[in-house]
Amino acid sequence: MNILITGATGLIGSELYKHLLNHHSVTVLTRTPARAYLKLGHRIEAVRSLDKVNFNDTDVVINLAGEPIVNKRWSPEQKQRVYDSRITLTEEIAERINHAEKKPKTLISGSAIGYYGRQGDQVIGEDYEHCYDEFSHQLCKDWEQAAQKAQTRVCLLRTGIVLSARGGALTKMLPAFRFGMGGPLGDGRQYMSWIHLDDMVQVIMYLIKYDHISGPINATAPHPVSNEEFSKTLAQVLRRPAFMRMPKAVLRLLMGEMADLMLYGQNVQPKRMLKEGFRFRHPDLKPALSQILSRY
């Protein structure tokens, strides 16, 4: 198959493309082709614009691009950049698909469990409707609606916290925990719905292979944990203490509104993937963290 990926140099995309190259032709949309070739190698084709993509000859589009949501404090301008980087590109992709004479069979488009907003300990499946209306929900809602404009099969990846030692949330936590200065955030009761990078990639590969699945898919491990349990488990794996609790007020002072992503969470279950019989390689947190940290 011919596959187009946006966001291929990000955490998920830079692992996913390796699996795709074994059987498929891969085109990468990137602002800097030279950097993409340097990071991903020359077996891909890197293009700067969708104008360079023949959608009549594209079988699957995997849309993972977007400004990192937690890299900068949420000023009004930064929130707009985060929003535009997802919705504008996704709308353009949907439009290109719709104008193709031979449409791609599948659009797999990014979203996040932030779609549900803060939820306490309520167990959440893909059909949950009582979302908390805040920035993360509105962002993901509009992102998904943009993807659903495509007149083809659309899969919406509501992704949890992707765990890897190569980037993402875990690498931001590791320095403090390695120095024995890690610990829970706020009261630590907020849920963290996580997924190992290997499983994240395999979920996408599964969706490419089995074309009867569409709509929202929770891309999370089946056993989410509280922030306190996550902190204790990470400290155990690193053989370090974890008593440096970060007060809510301090986190808000440092991060502003963005702190809500860390102080509130969702107890998300991958109900659709489990119903499909998908087997998670890393369903439990401690073995997952042990495997990640021993590998790197």
C-alpha atoms as a PDB file:
ATOM      1  CA  MET A   1       0.000   0.000   0.000  1.00  0.00           C
ATOM      2  CA  ASN A   2       0.947   3.641  -0.407  1.00  0.00           C
ATOM      3  CA  ILE A   3       0.778   5.395   2.956  1.00  0.00           C
ATOM      4  CA  LEU A   4       0.989   9.097   3.786  1.00  0.00           C
ATOM      5  CA  ILE A   5       2.050  10.099   7.312  1.00  0.00           C
ATOM      6  CA  THR A   6       1.949  13.549   8.866  1.00  0.00           C
ATOM      7  CA  GLY A   7       3.889  14.013  12.099  1.00  0.00           C
ATOM      8  CA  ALA A   8       6.264  11.187  11.156  1.00  0.00           C
ATOM      9  CA  THR A   9       9.215  12.703  13.019  1.00  0.00           C
ATOM     10  CA  GLY A  10       7.264  12.819  16.301  1.00  0.00           C
ATOM     11  CA  LEU A  11       7.329  10.193  19.052  1.00  0.00           C
ATOM     12  CA  ILE A  12       4.710   7.876  17.542  1.00  0.00           C
ATOM     13  CA  GLY A  13       5.455   8.493  13.871  1.00  0.00           C
ATOM     14  CA  SER A  14       9.199   7.868  14.171  1.00  0.00           C
ATOM     15  CA  GLU A  15       8.522   4.395  15.560  1.00  0.00           C
ATOM     16  CA  LEU A  16       5.518   3.611  13.351  1.00  0.00           C
ATOM     17  CA  TYR A  17       7.267   4.221  10.018  1.00  0.00           C
ATOM     18  CA  LYS A  18       9.772   1.401  10.703  1.00  0.00           C
ATOM     19  CA  HIS A  19       6.933  -1.128  10.791  1.00  0.00           C
ATOM     20  CA  LEU A  20       5.284   0.302   7.681  1.00  0.00           C
ATOM     21  CA  LEU A  21       8.444   0.209   5.551  1.00  0.00           C
ATOM     22  CA  ASN A  22       8.543  -3.589   5.727  1.00  0.00           C
ATOM     23  CA  HIS A  23       5.507  -3.899   3.457  1.00  0.00           C
ATOM     24  CA  HIS A  24       4.457  -0.461   2.242  1.00  0.00           C
ATOM     25  CA  SER A  25       5.582   2.678   0.410  1.00  0.00           C
ATOM     26  CA  VAL A  26       5.720   5.605   2.845  1.00  0.00           C
ATOM     27  CA  THR A  27       5.413   9.323   2.067  1.00  0.00           C
ATOM     28  CA  VAL A  28       6.040  11.816   4.869  1.00  0.00           C
ATOM     29  CA  LEU A  29       4.628  15.347   4.995  1.00  0.00           C
ATOM     30  CA  THR A  30       7.168  17.582   6.739  1.00  0.00           C
ATOM     31  CA  ARG A  31       8.228  21.224   6.838  1.00  0.00           C
ATOM     32  CA  THR A  32      11.906  20.158   6.628  1.00  0.00           C
ATOM     33  CA  PRO A  33      12.506  17.182   4.287  1.00  0.00           C
ATOM     34  CA  ALA A  34      16.271  17.227   4.955  1.00  0.00           C
ATOM     35  CA  ARG A  35      15.651  16.727   8.673  1.00  0.00           C
ATOM     36  CA  ALA A  36      13.126  13.982   7.973  1.00  0.00           C
ATOM     37  CA  TYR A  37      15.586  12.097   5.763  1.00  0.00           C
ATOM     38  CA  LEU A  38      18.272  12.490   8.425  1.00  0.00           C
ATOM     39  CA  LYS A  39      16.003  11.074  11.141  1.00  0.00           C
ATOM     40  CA  LEU A  40      14.015   8.488   9.159  1.00  0.00           C
ATOM     41  CA  GLY A  41      16.398   7.500   6.367  1.00  0.00           C
ATOM     42  CA  HIS A  42      16.009   7.602   2.592  1.00  0.00           C
ATOM     43  CA  ARG A  43      13.539   4.742   2.127  1.00  0.00           C
ATOM     44  CA  ILE A  44      10.726   7.250   2.681  1.00  0.00           C
ATOM     45  CA  GLU A  45       9.680  10.069   0.357  1.00  0.00           C
ATOM     46  CA  ALA A  46       9.556  13.411   2.178  1.00  0.00           C
ATOM     47  CA  VAL A  47       7.402  16.245   0.794  1.00  0.00           C
ATOM     48  CA  ARG A  48       6.772  19.793   2.029  1.00  0.00           C
ATOM     49  CA  SER A  49       3.242  20.193   0.720  1.00  0.00           C
ATOM     50  CA  LEU A  50       0.101  18.157   0.125  1.00  0.00           C
ATOM     51  CA  ASP A  51       0.311  19.476  -3.444  1.00  0.00           C
ATOM     52  CA  LYS A  52       3.099  16.915  -3.923  1.00  0.00           C
ATOM     53  CA  VAL A  53       0.893  13.995  -2.808  1.00  0.00           C
ATOM     54  CA  ASN A  54      -1.150  12.010  -5.332  1.00  0.00           C
ATOM     55  CA  PHE A  55      -4.243  11.173  -3.284  1.00  0.00           C
ATOM     56  CA  ASN A  56      -5.551   9.002  -6.143  1.00  0.00           C
ATOM     57  CA  ASP A  57      -2.611   6.702  -5.492  1.00  0.00           C
ATOM     58  CA  THR A  58      -2.724   6.851  -1.684  1.00  0.00           C
ATOM     59  CA  ASP A  59      -4.331   3.975   0.213  1.00  0.00           C
ATOM     60  CA  VAL A  60      -4.028   5.129   3.841  1.00  0.00           C
ATOM     61  CA  VAL A  61      -3.472   8.543   5.444  1.00  0.00           C
ATOM     62  CA  ILE A  62      -2.132   8.603   9.016  1.00  0.00           C
ATOM     63  CA  ASN A  63      -2.487  12.105  10.459  1.00  0.00           C
ATOM     64  CA  LEU A  64      -0.391  12.606  13.611  1.00  0.00           C
ATOM     65  CA  ALA A  65       0.819  16.197  13.145  1.00  0.00           C
ATOM     66  CA  GLY A  66       0.291  18.998  15.624  1.00  0.00           C
ATOM     67  CA  GLU A  67       2.077  21.577  17.768  1.00  0.00           C
ATOM     68  CA  PRO A  68       3.129  19.900  21.076  1.00  0.00           C
ATOM     69  CA  ILE A  69       0.420  20.678  23.602  1.00  0.00           C
ATOM     70  CA  VAL A  70       2.593  20.941  26.739  1.00  0.00           C
ATOM     71  CA  ASN A  71       5.861  22.437  25.487  1.00  0.00           C
ATOM     72  CA  LYS A  72       4.897  26.055  26.178  1.00  0.00           C
ATOM     73  CA  ARG A  73       2.663  27.883  28.649  1.00  0.00           C
ATOM     74  CA  TRP A  74      -0.878  28.346  27.332  1.00  0.00           C
ATOM     75  CA  SER A  75      -1.070  31.982  26.326  1.00  0.00           C
ATOM     76  CA  PRO A  76      -4.021  32.802  24.057  1.00  0.00           C
ATOM     77  CA  GLU A  77      -1.584  32.862  21.121  1.00  0.00           C
ATOM     78  CA  GLN A  78      -0.081  29.461  22.015  1.00  0.00           C
ATOM     79  CA  LYS A  79      -3.530  27.871  22.396  1.00  0.00           C
ATOM     80  CA  GLN A  80      -4.411  29.174  18.942  1.00  0.00           C
ATOM     81  CA  ARG A  81      -1.200  27.694  17.495  1.00  0.00           C
ATOM     82  CA  VAL A  82      -1.978  24.325  19.075  1.00  0.00           C
ATOM     83  CA  TYR A  83      -5.522  24.492  17.701  1.00  0.00           C
ATOM     84  CA  ASP A  84      -4.643  25.665  14.184  1.00  0.00           C
ATOM     85  CA  SER A  85      -1.809  23.151  13.756  1.00  0.00           C
ATOM     86  CA  ARG A  86      -4.317  20.317  14.123  1.00  0.00           C
ATOM     87  CA  ILE A  87      -7.579  21.539  12.661  1.00  0.00           C
ATOM     88  CA  THR A  88      -6.265  23.407   9.603  1.00  0.00           C
ATOM     89  CA  LEU A  89      -4.141  20.511   8.339  1.00  0.00           C
ATOM     90  CA  THR A  90      -6.825  17.921   9.079  1.00  0.00           C
ATOM     91  CA  GLU A  91      -9.432  19.940   7.165  1.00  0.00           C
ATOM     92  CA  GLU A  92      -7.051  20.211   4.221  1.00  0.00           C
ATOM     93  CA  ILE A  93      -6.418  16.451   4.254  1.00  0.00           C
ATOM     94  CA  ALA A  94     -10.163  15.746   4.321  1.00  0.00           C
ATOM     95  CA  GLU A  95     -10.690  18.130   1.414  1.00  0.00           C
ATOM     96  CA  ARG A  96      -7.944  16.444  -0.640  1.00  0.00           C
ATOM     97  CA  ILE A  97      -9.452  13.029   0.058  1.00  0.00           C
ATOM     98  CA  ASN A  98     -12.893  14.217  -0.997  1.00  0.00           C
ATOM     99  CA  HIS A  99     -11.611  15.650  -4.277  1.00  0.00           C
ATOM    100  CA  ALA A 100      -9.688  12.512  -5.237  1.00  0.00           C
ATOM    101  CA  GLU A 101     -11.207  10.415  -8.018  1.00  0.00           C
ATOM    102  CA  LYS A 102      -9.937   7.273  -6.309  1.00  0.00           C
ATOM    103  CA  LYS A 103     -10.187   8.075  -2.612  1.00  0.00           C
ATOM    104  CA  PRO A 104      -7.834   6.653   0.026  1.00  0.00           C
ATOM    105  CA  LYS A 105      -9.496   3.753   1.818  1.00  0.00           C
ATOM    106  CA  THR A 106      -8.692   4.966   5.326  1.00  0.00           C
ATOM    107  CA  LEU A 107      -7.892   8.092   7.312  1.00  0.00           C
ATOM    108  CA  ILE A 108      -6.406   7.356  10.742  1.00  0.00           C
ATOM    109  CA  SER A 109      -6.417  10.702  12.511  1.00  0.00           C
ATOM    110  CA  GLY A 110      -4.995  11.752  15.845  1.00  0.00           C
ATOM    111  CA  SER A 111      -7.027  12.816  18.838  1.00  0.00           C
ATOM    112  CA  ALA A 112      -6.477  12.359  22.580  1.00  0.00           C
ATOM    113  CA  ILE A 113      -8.220  11.251  25.748  1.00  0.00           C
ATOM    114  CA  GLY A 114      -8.390  14.955  26.532  1.00  0.00           C
ATOM    115  CA  TYR A 115     -11.567  14.690  24.437  1.00  0.00           C
ATOM    116  CA  TYR A 116     -13.366  13.559  27.603  1.00  0.00           C
ATOM    117  CA  GLY A 117     -12.075  16.410  29.770  1.00  0.00           C
ATOM    118  CA  ARG A 118     -11.493  15.922  33.499  1.00  0.00           C
ATOM    119  CA  GLN A 119     -13.494  12.954  34.765  1.00  0.00           C
ATOM    120  CA  GLY A 120     -12.388  11.723  38.198  1.00  0.00           C
ATOM    121  CA  ASP A 121     -12.585   7.937  38.589  1.00  0.00           C
ATOM    122  CA  GLN A 122     -15.507   7.380  36.175  1.00  0.00           C
ATOM    123  CA  VAL A 123     -14.684   4.484  33.823  1.00  0.00           C
ATOM    124  CA  ILE A 124     -14.739   5.864  30.286  1.00  0.00           C
ATOM    125  CA  GLY A 125     -15.306   3.967  27.038  1.00  0.00           C
ATOM    126  CA  GLU A 126     -15.567   5.343  23.530  1.00  0.00           C
ATOM    127  CA  ASP A 127     -19.320   5.865  23.845  1.00  0.00           C
ATOM    128  CA  TYR A 128     -19.044   8.129  26.913  1.00  0.00           C
ATOM    129  CA  GLU A 129     -20.953  11.356  26.254  1.00  0.00           C
ATOM    130  CA  HIS A 130     -20.693  13.481  29.420  1.00  0.00           C
ATOM    131  CA  CYS A 131     -17.486  15.288  28.488  1.00  0.00           C
ATOM    132  CA  TYR A 132     -16.181  18.148  30.605  1.00  0.00           C
ATOM    133  CA  ASP A 133     -16.101  21.242  28.428  1.00  0.00           C
ATOM    134  CA  GLU A 134     -12.595  22.714  28.615  1.00  0.00           C
ATOM    135  CA  PHE A 135      -9.808  23.506  26.148  1.00  0.00           C
ATOM    136  CA  SER A 136      -8.620  19.903  25.710  1.00  0.00           C
ATOM    137  CA  HIS A 137     -12.170  18.716  24.988  1.00  0.00           C
ATOM    138  CA  GLN A 138     -12.932  21.478  22.489  1.00  0.00           C
ATOM    139  CA  LEU A 139      -9.592  20.957  20.747  1.00  0.00           C
ATOM    140  CA  CYS A 140     -10.101  17.219  20.337  1.00  0.00           C
ATOM    141  CA  LYS A 141     -13.781  17.584  19.436  1.00  0.00           C
ATOM    142  CA  ASP A 142     -13.026  20.023  16.607  1.00  0.00           C
ATOM    143  CA  TRP A 143     -10.046  17.927  15.508  1.00  0.00           C
ATOM    144  CA  GLU A 144     -12.238  14.849  15.208  1.00  0.00           C
ATOM    145  CA  GLN A 145     -14.992  16.743  13.417  1.00  0.00           C
ATOM    146  CA  ALA A 146     -12.450  17.995  10.877  1.00  0.00           C
ATOM    147  CA  ALA A 147     -11.321  14.410  10.201  1.00  0.00           C
ATOM    148  CA  GLN A 148     -14.893  13.151   9.901  1.00  0.00           C
ATOM    149  CA  LYS A 149     -15.445  15.458   6.937  1.00  0.00           C
ATOM    150  CA  ALA A 150     -13.413  12.984   4.874  1.00  0.00           C
ATOM    151  CA  GLN A 151     -15.658  10.815   2.689  1.00  0.00           C
ATOM    152  CA  THR A 152     -13.914   7.574   3.562  1.00  0.00           C
ATOM    153  CA  ARG A 153     -13.381   5.275   6.526  1.00  0.00           C
ATOM    154  CA  VAL A 154     -12.168   7.421   9.447  1.00  0.00           C
ATOM    155  CA  CYS A 155     -10.534   6.102  12.631  1.00  0.00           C
ATOM    156  CA  LEU A 156     -10.046   8.582  15.490  1.00  0.00           C
ATOM    157  CA  LEU A 157      -7.163   7.763  17.836  1.00  0.00           C
ATOM    158  CA  ARG A 158      -7.988   8.997  21.340  1.00  0.00           C
ATOM    159  CA  THR A 159      -4.471   8.540  22.609  1.00  0.00           C
ATOM    160  CA  GLY A 160      -3.405   8.390  26.244  1.00  0.00           C
ATOM    161  CA  ILE A 161       0.006   9.198  27.731  1.00  0.00           C
ATOM    162  CA  VAL A 162       2.462   7.424  25.444  1.00  0.00           C
ATOM    163  CA  LEU A 163       5.336   5.906  27.436  1.00  0.00           C
ATOM    164  CA  SER A 164       8.784   5.736  25.874  1.00  0.00           C
ATOM    165  CA  ALA A 165      12.324   6.593  26.892  1.00  0.00           C
ATOM    166  CA  ARG A 166      12.804   8.323  23.531  1.00  0.00           C
ATOM    167  CA  GLY A 167      10.512  11.251  24.238  1.00  0.00           C
ATOM    168  CA  GLY A 168       7.126  12.289  25.562  1.00  0.00           C
ATOM    169  CA  ALA A 169       5.926  12.605  29.154  1.00  0.00           C
ATOM    170  CA  LEU A 170       8.167   9.919  30.667  1.00  0.00           C
ATOM    171  CA  THR A 171      11.415  11.569  29.576  1.00  0.00           C
ATOM    172  CA  LYS A 172      10.264  14.806  31.235  1.00  0.00           C
ATOM    173  CA  MET A 173       9.658  12.928  34.514  1.00  0.00           C
ATOM    174  CA  LEU A 174      12.851  10.859  34.576  1.00  0.00           C
ATOM    175  CA  PRO A 175      15.429  13.477  35.654  1.00  0.00           C
ATOM    176  CA  ALA A 176      13.553  14.365  38.862  1.00  0.00           C
ATOM    177  CA  PHE A 177      12.812  10.727  39.709  1.00  0.00           C
ATOM    178  CA  ARG A 178      16.391   9.614  39.040  1.00  0.00           C
ATOM    179  CA  PHE A 179      17.611  12.203  41.540  1.00  0.00           C
ATOM    180  CA  GLY A 180      15.070  11.037  44.117  1.00  0.00           C
ATOM    181  CA  MET A 181      13.036  14.222  43.782  1.00  0.00           C
ATOM    182  CA  GLY A 182       9.979  12.795  42.024  1.00  0.00           C
ATOM    183  CA  GLY A 183       6.540  12.315  43.478  1.00  0.00           C
ATOM    184  CA  PRO A 184       2.797  12.767  42.979  1.00  0.00           C
ATOM    185  CA  LEU A 185       1.223  15.913  41.551  1.00  0.00           C
ATOM    186  CA  GLY A 186      -1.394  17.569  43.748  1.00  0.00           C
ATOM    187  CA  ASP A 187      -3.367  14.986  45.700  1.00  0.00           C
ATOM    188  CA  GLY A 188      -2.203  12.237  43.316  1.00  0.00           C
ATOM    189  CA  ARG A 189      -5.689  10.793  42.912  1.00  0.00           C
ATOM    190  CA  GLN A 190      -6.115  11.845  39.279  1.00  0.00           C
ATOM    191  CA  TYR A 191      -6.035   8.949  36.827  1.00  0.00           C
ATOM    192  CA  MET A 192      -3.284   8.529  34.258  1.00  0.00           C
ATOM    193  CA  SER A 193      -4.417   6.530  31.233  1.00  0.00           C
ATOM    194  CA  TRP A 194      -1.165   5.468  29.600  1.00  0.00           C
ATOM    195  CA  ILE A 195       0.004   3.252  26.729  1.00  0.00           C
ATOM    196  CA  HIS A 196       3.397   1.773  25.869  1.00  0.00           C
ATOM    197  CA  LEU A 197       4.775   3.088  22.568  1.00  0.00           C
ATOM    198  CA  ASP A 198       4.991  -0.470  21.184  1.00  0.00           C
ATOM    199  CA  ASP A 199       1.266  -0.991  21.805  1.00  0.00           C
ATOM    200  CA  MET A 200       0.447   2.420  20.344  1.00  0.00           C
ATOM    201  CA  VAL A 201       2.160   1.423  17.109  1.00  0.00           C
ATOM    202  CA  GLN A 202       0.465  -1.971  17.064  1.00  0.00           C
ATOM    203  CA  VAL A 203      -2.977  -0.370  17.497  1.00  0.00           C
ATOM    204  CA  ILE A 204      -2.356   1.686  14.353  1.00  0.00           C
ATOM    205  CA  MET A 205      -1.046  -1.355  12.462  1.00  0.00           C
ATOM    206  CA  TYR A 206      -4.185  -3.254  13.522  1.00  0.00           C
ATOM    207  CA  LEU A 207      -6.436  -0.480  12.221  1.00  0.00           C
ATOM    208  CA  ILE A 208      -4.617  -0.522   8.877  1.00  0.00           C
ATOM    209  CA  LYS A 209      -5.069  -4.274   8.572  1.00  0.00           C
ATOM    210  CA  TYR A 210      -8.677  -4.625   9.744  1.00  0.00           C
ATOM    211  CA  ASP A 211     -10.870  -2.200   7.829  1.00  0.00           C
ATOM    212  CA  HIS A 212     -14.173  -2.965   9.577  1.00  0.00           C
ATOM    213  CA  ILE A 213     -13.273  -0.661  12.491  1.00  0.00           C
ATOM    214  CA  SER A 214     -14.042   3.060  12.311  1.00  0.00           C
ATOM    215  CA  GLY A 215     -14.897   5.979  14.578  1.00  0.00           C
ATOM    216  CA  PRO A 216     -13.292   6.714  17.966  1.00  0.00           C
ATOM    217  CA  ILE A 217     -10.780   4.263  19.427  1.00  0.00           C
ATOM    218  CA  ASN A 218      -9.296   4.675  22.909  1.00  0.00           C
ATOM    219  CA  ALA A 219      -5.560   4.051  22.486  1.00  0.00           C
ATOM    220  CA  THR A 220      -4.751   3.331  26.131  1.00  0.00           C
ATOM    221  CA  ALA A 221      -3.579   0.324  28.135  1.00  0.00           C
ATOM    222  CA  PRO A 222      -6.358  -1.616  29.902  1.00  0.00           C
ATOM    223  CA  HIS A 223      -5.041  -0.830  33.402  1.00  0.00           C
ATOM    224  CA  PRO A 224      -4.836   2.924  34.065  1.00  0.00           C
ATOM    225  CA  VAL A 225      -3.484   4.032  37.447  1.00  0.00           C
ATOM    226  CA  SER A 226      -3.662   7.046  39.724  1.00  0.00           C
ATOM    227  CA  ASN A 227      -0.881   9.613  39.543  1.00  0.00           C
ATOM    228  CA  GLU A 228       0.239   8.516  43.016  1.00  0.00           C
ATOM    229  CA  GLU A 229       0.485   4.879  41.934  1.00  0.00           C
ATOM    230  CA  PHE A 230       2.306   5.885  38.755  1.00  0.00           C
ATOM    231  CA  SER A 231       4.826   7.896  40.794  1.00  0.00           C
ATOM    232  CA  LYS A 232       5.425   5.078  43.286  1.00  0.00           C
ATOM    233  CA  THR A 233       5.798   2.515  40.510  1.00  0.00           C
ATOM    234  CA  LEU A 234       8.261   4.617  38.528  1.00  0.00           C
ATOM    235  CA  ALA A 235      10.298   5.215  41.692  1.00  0.00           C
ATOM    236  CA  GLN A 236      10.324   1.468  42.454  1.00  0.00           C
ATOM    237  CA  VAL A 237      11.564   0.629  38.972  1.00  0.00           C
ATOM    238  CA  LEU A 238      14.323   3.247  39.318  1.00  0.00           C
ATOM    239  CA  ARG A 239      15.014   2.185  42.932  1.00  0.00           C
ATOM    240  CA  ARG A 240      14.562   5.729  44.168  1.00  0.00           C
ATOM    241  CA  PRO A 241      12.276   7.361  46.746  1.00  0.00           C
ATOM    242  CA  ALA A 242       9.192   9.307  45.626  1.00  0.00           C
ATOM    243  CA  PHE A 243       8.157  11.653  48.408  1.00  0.00           C
ATOM    244  CA  MET A 244       8.517  15.103  46.789  1.00  0.00           C
ATOM    245  CA  ARG A 245       4.840  15.875  46.272  1.00  0.00           C
ATOM    246  CA  MET A 246       4.226  18.870  43.979  1.00  0.00           C
ATOM    247  CA  PRO A 247       1.495  21.066  45.529  1.00  0.00           C
ATOM    248  CA  LYS A 248      -1.358  22.058  43.242  1.00  0.00           C
ATOM    249  CA  ALA A 249      -0.780  25.770  43.851  1.00  0.00           C
ATOM    250  CA  VAL A 250       2.888  25.546  42.830  1.00  0.00           C
ATOM    251  CA  LEU A 251       2.060  23.628  39.666  1.00  0.00           C
ATOM    252  CA  ARG A 252      -0.537  26.246  38.729  1.00  0.00           C
ATOM    253  CA  LEU A 253       1.958  29.033  39.395  1.00  0.00           C
ATOM    254  CA  LEU A 254       4.530  27.366  37.128  1.00  0.00           C
ATOM    255  CA  MET A 255       2.243  26.241  34.332  1.00  0.00           C
ATOM    256  CA  GLY A 256      -0.970  28.261  34.494  1.00  0.00           C
ATOM    257  CA  GLU A 257      -4.055  26.703  32.883  1.00  0.00           C
ATOM    258  CA  MET A 258      -1.924  23.932  31.347  1.00  0.00           C
ATOM    259  CA  ALA A 259      -1.474  22.483  34.856  1.00  0.00           C
ATOM    260  CA  ASP A 260      -5.046  21.157  34.602  1.00  0.00           C
ATOM    261  CA  LEU A 261      -3.793  18.449  32.220  1.00  0.00           C
ATOM    262  CA  MET A 262      -1.668  17.070  35.064  1.00  0.00           C
ATOM    263  CA  LEU A 263      -3.949  17.753  38.018  1.00  0.00           C
ATOM    264  CA  TYR A 264      -7.033  16.139  36.487  1.00  0.00           C
ATOM    265  CA  GLY A 265      -7.331  12.966  34.476  1.00  0.00           C
ATOM    266  CA  GLN A 266      -9.541  10.267  33.017  1.00  0.00           C
ATOM    267  CA  ASN A 267      -9.961   6.558  33.791  1.00  0.00           C
ATOM    268  CA  VAL A 268     -10.087   5.494  30.138  1.00  0.00           C
ATOM    269  CA  GLN A 269     -10.627   1.926  28.952  1.00  0.00           C
ATOM    270  CA  PRO A 270      -9.782   0.674  25.421  1.00  0.00           C
ATOM    271  CA  LYS A 271     -13.146  -1.076  25.178  1.00  0.00           C
ATOM    272  CA  ARG A 272     -13.280  -1.304  21.389  1.00  0.00           C
ATOM    273  CA  MET A 273      -9.808  -2.775  21.016  1.00  0.00           C
ATOM    274  CA  LEU A 274     -10.448  -5.268  23.810  1.00  0.00           C
ATOM    275  CA  LYS A 275     -13.740  -6.283  22.195  1.00  0.00           C
ATOM    276  CA  GLU A 276     -11.825  -6.815  18.941  1.00  0.00           C
ATOM    277  CA  GLY A 277      -9.549  -9.245  20.750  1.00  0.00           C
ATOM    278  CA  PHE A 278      -6.498  -7.005  20.453  1.00  0.00           C
ATOM    279  CA  ARG A 279      -3.767  -8.275  22.786  1.00  0.00           C
ATOM    280  CA  PHE A 280      -1.772  -5.588  24.552  1.00  0.00           C
ATOM    281  CA  ARG A 281       1.875  -6.528  24.927  1.00  0.00           C
ATOM    282  CA  HIS A 282       2.208  -4.235  27.950  1.00  0.00           C
ATOM    283  CA  PRO A 283      -1.118  -4.097  29.842  1.00  0.00           C
ATOM    284  CA  ASP A 284       0.378  -3.411  33.299  1.00  0.00           C
ATOM    285  CA  LEU A 285       2.426  -0.416  34.341  1.00  0.00           C
ATOM    286  CA  LYS A 286       5.338  -1.879  36.320  1.00  0.00           C
ATOM    287  CA  PRO A 287       6.417  -4.427  33.662  1.00  0.00           C
ATOM    288  CA  ALA A 288       5.937  -1.758  30.980  1.00  0.00           C
ATOM    289  CA  LEU A 289       8.195   0.734  32.774  1.00  0.00           C
ATOM    290  CA  SER A 290      10.752  -1.977  33.544  1.00  0.00           C
ATOM    291  CA  GLN A 291      10.902  -2.965  29.885  1.00  0.00           C
ATOM    292  CA  ILE A 292      11.213   0.636  28.686  1.00  0.00           C
ATOM    293  CA  LEU A 293      13.935   1.617  31.145  1.00  0.00           C
ATOM    294  CA  SER A 294      15.945  -1.586  30.743  1.00  0.00           C
ATOM    295  CA  ARG A 295      15.940  -1.220  26.952  1.00  0.00           C
ATOM    296  CA  TYR A 296      17.336   2.307  27.007  1.00  0.00           C
END
